[in-house]
Structure formats: C-alpha cells, structure tokens
Amino acid sequence: MDDRRVLLRMLQALLRDIQNISQRGAGYYTNSPFIDRYNRLLEVAKSSMTGQSEFLKTFVPLEGTSSVDPADKMKVTQRVVVEAGQLIAFVEESLADAAGEAESLKTKRQKK
C-alpha cells in the first residue's frame, strides 16, 4: 500500500466533509475536528515523505479559535480548506513524479 495514495484519499475526504458542514453553516459548528484531522494528516505526510521536497516544509500545523463568533470559526475553516487543498496538490505531484520515475526505469530496463 502506498501511503501517499491513502493520504491523498483521506485529504480529499476531509475537504468533502468540510464542504458538507460548510453548506450547513460551518460558523455555527466547532471546527476542531477538521483542524485535528488536518494536523494528523500533515504529520503523516511529513514523516512518510521526509526529504522529498522543500515545499513540504512550508506546511505548518493549524490552530483553532476559542472564539464563538461564527465569522472567526469560518476563517479557521477556510484556512483548513486552503492548506488541505495545497497539501493535496503536493501529494498528487509527488505521486505523478513517482509514476514518471517508475516509467523511466521500466523503459531503461526494456532497452537493455
């Protein structure tokens, strides 16, 4: 099992879950489950893809808000959406690079 593929699917599911809650008025709900899940997935990404790219260092754990103001909660939720989307793009590119390298090795072997 490729951890990157699992990570990608879980990040995509996180975004869907956030969108579902947002349509129901995310500002009125707690956003801590999304922040917790994002931070755990980020930790997995950093531990499983160490040394693959300097871009991975640009991702940092997110913090929630203690505010009860729906606008503040929505801002935090939007940050999770943006960061998760960027991490999805990173993982997708990582998978594409790995597929390209595998194809290149296969082609080299066939030429021998």
N, C-alpha and C. Protein backbone atom coordinates (compact mmCIF):
# COMPACT_ATOMS: atom_id res chain seq x y z
N MET A 1 0.85 -1.17 0.00
CA MET A 1 0.00 0.00 0.00
C MET A 1 0.90 1.24 0.00
N ASP A 2 0.58 2.17 -0.85
CA ASP A 2 1.34 3.41 -0.95
C ASP A 2 0.71 4.45 -0.01
N ASP A 3 1.46 4.86 0.99
CA ASP A 3 0.95 5.81 1.98
C ASP A 3 0.49 7.11 1.33
N ARG A 4 1.15 7.50 0.25
CA ARG A 4 0.77 8.76 -0.41
C ARG A 4 -0.63 8.68 -1.00
N ARG A 5 -0.97 7.54 -1.55
CA ARG A 5 -2.32 7.37 -2.12
C ARG A 5 -3.38 7.40 -1.02
N VAL A 6 -3.09 6.75 0.09
CA VAL A 6 -4.01 6.75 1.22
C VAL A 6 -4.15 8.17 1.76
N LEU A 7 -3.03 8.86 1.91
CA LEU A 7 -3.03 10.24 2.39
C LEU A 7 -3.86 11.12 1.47
N LEU A 8 -3.68 10.95 0.18
CA LEU A 8 -4.44 11.74 -0.79
C LEU A 8 -5.94 11.51 -0.63
N ARG A 9 -6.36 10.26 -0.52
CA ARG A 9 -7.78 9.95 -0.36
C ARG A 9 -8.35 10.54 0.94
N MET A 10 -7.56 10.48 2.00
CA MET A 10 -8.02 11.00 3.29
C MET A 10 -8.12 12.52 3.26
N LEU A 11 -7.19 13.19 2.60
CA LEU A 11 -7.26 14.64 2.47
C LEU A 11 -8.47 15.05 1.64
N GLN A 12 -8.73 14.31 0.57
CA GLN A 12 -9.90 14.60 -0.26
C GLN A 12 -11.19 14.40 0.54
N ALA A 13 -11.22 13.36 1.36
CA ALA A 13 -12.40 13.12 2.21
C ALA A 13 -12.56 14.25 3.23
N LEU A 14 -11.46 14.73 3.77
CA LEU A 14 -11.51 15.84 4.72
C LEU A 14 -12.13 17.07 4.05
N LEU A 15 -11.71 17.38 2.84
CA LEU A 15 -12.29 18.53 2.13
C LEU A 15 -13.78 18.35 1.88
N ARG A 16 -14.19 17.15 1.51
CA ARG A 16 -15.62 16.89 1.29
C ARG A 16 -16.40 17.08 2.59
N ASP A 17 -15.83 16.58 3.68
CA ASP A 17 -16.51 16.74 4.98
C ASP A 17 -16.64 18.21 5.35
N ILE A 18 -15.60 18.97 5.13
CA ILE A 18 -15.65 20.40 5.43
C ILE A 18 -16.70 21.09 4.57
N GLN A 19 -16.75 20.75 3.30
CA GLN A 19 -17.74 21.36 2.40
C GLN A 19 -19.16 21.01 2.84
N ASN A 20 -19.36 19.76 3.26
CA ASN A 20 -20.70 19.36 3.72
C ASN A 20 -21.12 20.16 4.94
N ILE A 21 -20.22 20.32 5.88
CA ILE A 21 -20.54 21.09 7.08
C ILE A 21 -20.71 22.57 6.74
N SER A 22 -19.88 23.08 5.85
CA SER A 22 -19.96 24.50 5.47
C SER A 22 -21.31 24.83 4.86
N GLN A 23 -21.85 23.90 4.10
CA GLN A 23 -23.16 24.13 3.49
C GLN A 23 -24.26 24.19 4.54
N ARG A 24 -23.97 23.64 5.70
CA ARG A 24 -24.95 23.66 6.79
C ARG A 24 -24.71 24.80 7.76
N GLY A 25 -23.75 25.66 7.44
CA GLY A 25 -23.45 26.79 8.31
C GLY A 25 -22.30 26.51 9.24
N ALA A 26 -21.11 26.31 8.69
CA ALA A 26 -19.93 25.90 9.46
C ALA A 26 -19.62 26.84 10.61
N GLY A 27 -19.97 28.10 10.49
CA GLY A 27 -19.66 29.05 11.54
C GLY A 27 -20.36 28.73 12.85
N TYR A 28 -21.39 27.92 12.79
CA TYR A 28 -22.14 27.59 14.00
C TYR A 28 -21.68 26.28 14.62
N TYR A 29 -20.78 25.59 13.96
CA TYR A 29 -20.26 24.32 14.46
C TYR A 29 -18.80 24.50 14.86
N THR A 30 -18.31 23.58 15.68
CA THR A 30 -16.90 23.60 16.02
C THR A 30 -16.08 23.15 14.81
N ASN A 31 -14.91 23.73 14.64
CA ASN A 31 -14.05 23.31 13.53
C ASN A 31 -12.86 22.50 14.04
N SER A 32 -12.82 22.21 15.33
CA SER A 32 -11.68 21.48 15.89
C SER A 32 -11.50 20.08 15.30
N PRO A 33 -12.56 19.34 14.95
CA PRO A 33 -12.31 18.03 14.33
C PRO A 33 -11.55 18.14 13.00
N PHE A 34 -11.82 19.18 12.24
CA PHE A 34 -11.14 19.37 10.96
C PHE A 34 -9.67 19.75 11.17
N ILE A 35 -9.45 20.61 12.15
CA ILE A 35 -8.08 21.03 12.45
C ILE A 35 -7.27 19.85 12.97
N ASP A 36 -7.86 19.09 13.88
CA ASP A 36 -7.17 17.92 14.42
C ASP A 36 -6.82 16.92 13.32
N ARG A 37 -7.78 16.65 12.46
CA ARG A 37 -7.54 15.67 11.39
C ARG A 37 -6.48 16.19 10.42
N TYR A 38 -6.58 17.46 10.03
CA TYR A 38 -5.59 18.03 9.12
C TYR A 38 -4.19 17.93 9.74
N ASN A 39 -4.07 18.29 11.00
CA ASN A 39 -2.75 18.26 11.65
C ASN A 39 -2.19 16.84 11.72
N ARG A 40 -3.05 15.86 11.97
CA ARG A 40 -2.58 14.47 11.99
C ARG A 40 -2.15 14.02 10.59
N LEU A 41 -2.92 14.39 9.57
CA LEU A 41 -2.55 14.01 8.21
C LEU A 41 -1.25 14.72 7.77
N LEU A 42 -1.09 15.96 8.19
CA LEU A 42 0.15 16.68 7.89
C LEU A 42 1.34 15.98 8.55
N GLU A 43 1.16 15.53 9.77
CA GLU A 43 2.23 14.82 10.47
C GLU A 43 2.61 13.54 9.71
N VAL A 44 1.62 12.82 9.21
CA VAL A 44 1.88 11.61 8.42
C VAL A 44 2.63 11.98 7.14
N ALA A 45 2.20 13.03 6.49
CA ALA A 45 2.87 13.46 5.25
C ALA A 45 4.33 13.78 5.51
N LYS A 46 4.57 14.52 6.56
CA LYS A 46 5.95 14.92 6.86
C LYS A 46 6.82 13.73 7.25
N SER A 47 6.26 12.77 7.96
CA SER A 47 7.06 11.62 8.36
C SER A 47 7.26 10.62 7.22
N SER A 48 6.28 10.50 6.35
CA SER A 48 6.41 9.50 5.27
C SER A 48 7.08 10.04 4.02
N MET A 49 7.15 11.36 3.88
CA MET A 49 7.74 11.93 2.66
C MET A 49 8.92 12.84 2.98
N THR A 50 9.60 12.56 4.07
CA THR A 50 10.74 13.36 4.50
C THR A 50 11.80 13.39 3.42
N GLY A 51 12.32 14.58 3.16
CA GLY A 51 13.41 14.73 2.21
C GLY A 51 12.99 14.76 0.75
N GLN A 52 11.71 14.66 0.45
CA GLN A 52 11.27 14.64 -0.94
C GLN A 52 11.23 16.02 -1.55
N SER A 53 10.95 17.03 -0.75
CA SER A 53 10.82 18.37 -1.31
C SER A 53 10.90 19.41 -0.21
N GLU A 54 11.46 20.54 -0.55
CA GLU A 54 11.49 21.67 0.38
C GLU A 54 10.09 22.23 0.59
N PHE A 55 9.20 22.02 -0.36
CA PHE A 55 7.84 22.56 -0.24
C PHE A 55 7.10 21.98 0.96
N LEU A 56 7.43 20.76 1.33
CA LEU A 56 6.76 20.13 2.47
C LEU A 56 7.01 20.93 3.75
N LYS A 57 8.14 21.61 3.80
CA LYS A 57 8.47 22.41 4.99
C LYS A 57 7.58 23.65 5.10
N THR A 58 6.89 24.01 4.04
CA THR A 58 6.04 25.20 4.08
C THR A 58 4.71 24.95 4.79
N PHE A 59 4.40 23.70 5.05
CA PHE A 59 3.16 23.36 5.74
C PHE A 59 3.40 23.32 7.24
N VAL A 60 2.53 23.98 7.98
CA VAL A 60 2.64 24.01 9.44
C VAL A 60 1.30 23.60 10.05
N PRO A 61 1.35 23.04 11.25
CA PRO A 61 0.08 22.69 11.91
C PRO A 61 -0.79 23.93 12.12
N LEU A 62 -2.08 23.73 12.04
CA LEU A 62 -3.03 24.83 12.21
C LEU A 62 -3.57 24.87 13.64
N GLU A 63 -3.97 26.05 14.04
CA GLU A 63 -4.57 26.23 15.37
C GLU A 63 -6.00 26.67 15.21
N GLY A 64 -6.83 26.26 16.14
CA GLY A 64 -8.23 26.64 16.12
C GLY A 64 -8.45 28.00 16.76
N THR A 65 -9.68 28.29 17.00
CA THR A 65 -10.05 29.54 17.66
C THR A 65 -10.94 29.23 18.85
N SER A 66 -10.79 30.02 19.89
CA SER A 66 -11.67 29.84 21.04
C SER A 66 -12.89 30.76 20.94
N SER A 67 -12.90 31.55 19.88
CA SER A 67 -14.00 32.48 19.67
C SER A 67 -15.30 31.73 19.37
N VAL A 68 -16.38 32.32 19.82
CA VAL A 68 -17.69 31.75 19.50
C VAL A 68 -18.32 32.48 18.31
N ASP A 69 -17.62 33.47 17.81
CA ASP A 69 -18.09 34.24 16.65
C ASP A 69 -18.05 33.36 15.40
N PRO A 70 -19.18 33.16 14.74
CA PRO A 70 -19.20 32.33 13.53
C PRO A 70 -18.22 32.80 12.45
N ALA A 71 -18.00 34.10 12.34
CA ALA A 71 -17.06 34.62 11.32
C ALA A 71 -15.64 34.15 11.62
N ASP A 72 -15.25 34.15 12.88
CA ASP A 72 -13.91 33.67 13.26
C ASP A 72 -13.77 32.18 12.98
N LYS A 73 -14.81 31.42 13.30
CA LYS A 73 -14.78 29.98 13.04
C LYS A 73 -14.68 29.71 11.54
N MET A 74 -15.39 30.51 10.75
CA MET A 74 -15.37 30.32 9.30
C MET A 74 -13.98 30.62 8.73
N LYS A 75 -13.30 31.62 9.27
CA LYS A 75 -11.93 31.94 8.82
C LYS A 75 -10.99 30.76 9.06
N VAL A 76 -11.13 30.13 10.21
CA VAL A 76 -10.30 28.97 10.53
C VAL A 76 -10.62 27.82 9.57
N THR A 77 -11.90 27.61 9.34
CA THR A 77 -12.32 26.55 8.42
C THR A 77 -11.77 26.81 7.02
N GLN A 78 -11.79 28.06 6.59
CA GLN A 78 -11.24 28.41 5.27
C GLN A 78 -9.74 28.12 5.21
N ARG A 79 -9.03 28.38 6.32
CA ARG A 79 -7.59 28.08 6.34
C ARG A 79 -7.36 26.58 6.18
N VAL A 80 -8.18 25.78 6.82
CA VAL A 80 -8.05 24.33 6.69
C VAL A 80 -8.29 23.92 5.24
N VAL A 81 -9.30 24.49 4.61
CA VAL A 81 -9.61 24.17 3.22
C VAL A 81 -8.43 24.52 2.31
N VAL A 82 -7.88 25.71 2.48
CA VAL A 82 -6.76 26.15 1.64
C VAL A 82 -5.54 25.26 1.86
N GLU A 83 -5.18 25.03 3.11
CA GLU A 83 -4.00 24.22 3.40
C GLU A 83 -4.17 22.77 2.95
N ALA A 84 -5.35 22.20 3.17
CA ALA A 84 -5.60 20.83 2.72
C ALA A 84 -5.54 20.75 1.20
N GLY A 85 -6.08 21.75 0.52
CA GLY A 85 -6.01 21.78 -0.94
C GLY A 85 -4.58 21.84 -1.45
N GLN A 86 -3.76 22.65 -0.79
CA GLN A 86 -2.35 22.74 -1.18
C GLN A 86 -1.61 21.42 -0.90
N LEU A 87 -1.93 20.79 0.23
CA LEU A 87 -1.29 19.52 0.54
C LEU A 87 -1.74 18.44 -0.44
N ILE A 88 -2.98 18.49 -0.87
CA ILE A 88 -3.46 17.56 -1.90
C ILE A 88 -2.65 17.75 -3.18
N ALA A 89 -2.46 18.99 -3.59
CA ALA A 89 -1.67 19.26 -4.81
C ALA A 89 -0.25 18.73 -4.66
N PHE A 90 0.35 18.90 -3.50
CA PHE A 90 1.70 18.40 -3.26
C PHE A 90 1.75 16.88 -3.38
N VAL A 91 0.80 16.20 -2.73
CA VAL A 91 0.78 14.74 -2.76
C VAL A 91 0.52 14.23 -4.18
N GLU A 92 -0.40 14.87 -4.90
CA GLU A 92 -0.67 14.47 -6.29
C GLU A 92 0.59 14.60 -7.14
N GLU A 93 1.31 15.68 -6.97
CA GLU A 93 2.54 15.88 -7.75
C GLU A 93 3.60 14.86 -7.36
N SER A 94 3.66 14.55 -6.09
CA SER A 94 4.59 13.53 -5.61
C SER A 94 4.28 12.17 -6.24
N LEU A 95 3.01 11.85 -6.32
CA LEU A 95 2.60 10.59 -6.96
C LEU A 95 2.91 10.60 -8.46
N ALA A 96 2.69 11.73 -9.10
CA ALA A 96 2.98 11.84 -10.54
C ALA A 96 4.48 11.69 -10.80
N ASP A 97 5.30 12.30 -9.95
CA ASP A 97 6.75 12.16 -10.09
C ASP A 97 7.18 10.72 -9.90
N ALA A 98 6.61 10.05 -8.91
CA ALA A 98 6.95 8.65 -8.66
C ALA A 98 6.54 7.78 -9.84
N ALA A 99 5.38 8.05 -10.42
CA ALA A 99 4.93 7.28 -11.59
C ALA A 99 5.85 7.53 -12.78
N GLY A 100 6.26 8.77 -12.96
CA GLY A 100 7.17 9.10 -14.06
C GLY A 100 8.51 8.43 -13.90
N GLU A 101 9.04 8.39 -12.67
CA GLU A 101 10.31 7.72 -12.41
C GLU A 101 10.19 6.23 -12.64
N ALA A 102 9.09 5.64 -12.22
CA ALA A 102 8.88 4.20 -12.42
C ALA A 102 8.81 3.87 -13.91
N GLU A 103 8.12 4.71 -14.67
CA GLU A 103 8.03 4.50 -16.12
C GLU A 103 9.39 4.64 -16.78
N SER A 104 10.16 5.60 -16.33
CA SER A 104 11.50 5.82 -16.88
C SER A 104 12.40 4.61 -16.62
N LEU A 105 12.34 4.06 -15.41
CA LEU A 105 13.12 2.86 -15.09
C LEU A 105 12.67 1.67 -15.93
N LYS A 106 11.38 1.54 -16.12
CA LYS A 106 10.84 0.44 -16.92
C LYS A 106 11.34 0.55 -18.36
N THR A 107 11.33 1.76 -18.90
CA THR A 107 11.80 1.98 -20.27
C THR A 107 13.28 1.66 -20.39
N LYS A 108 14.07 2.06 -19.42
CA LYS A 108 15.51 1.78 -19.44
C LYS A 108 15.77 0.27 -19.40
N ARG A 109 15.02 -0.45 -18.59
CA ARG A 109 15.19 -1.90 -18.50
C ARG A 109 14.84 -2.58 -19.81
N GLN A 110 13.80 -2.10 -20.47
CA GLN A 110 13.36 -2.69 -21.73
C GLN A 110 14.39 -2.46 -22.84
N LYS A 111 15.12 -1.37 -22.78
CA LYS A 111 16.11 -1.05 -23.80
C LYS A 111 17.36 -1.92 -23.69
N LYS A 112 17.61 -2.46 -22.50
CA LYS A 112 18.80 -3.29 -22.28
C LYS A 112 18.65 -4.63 -22.87
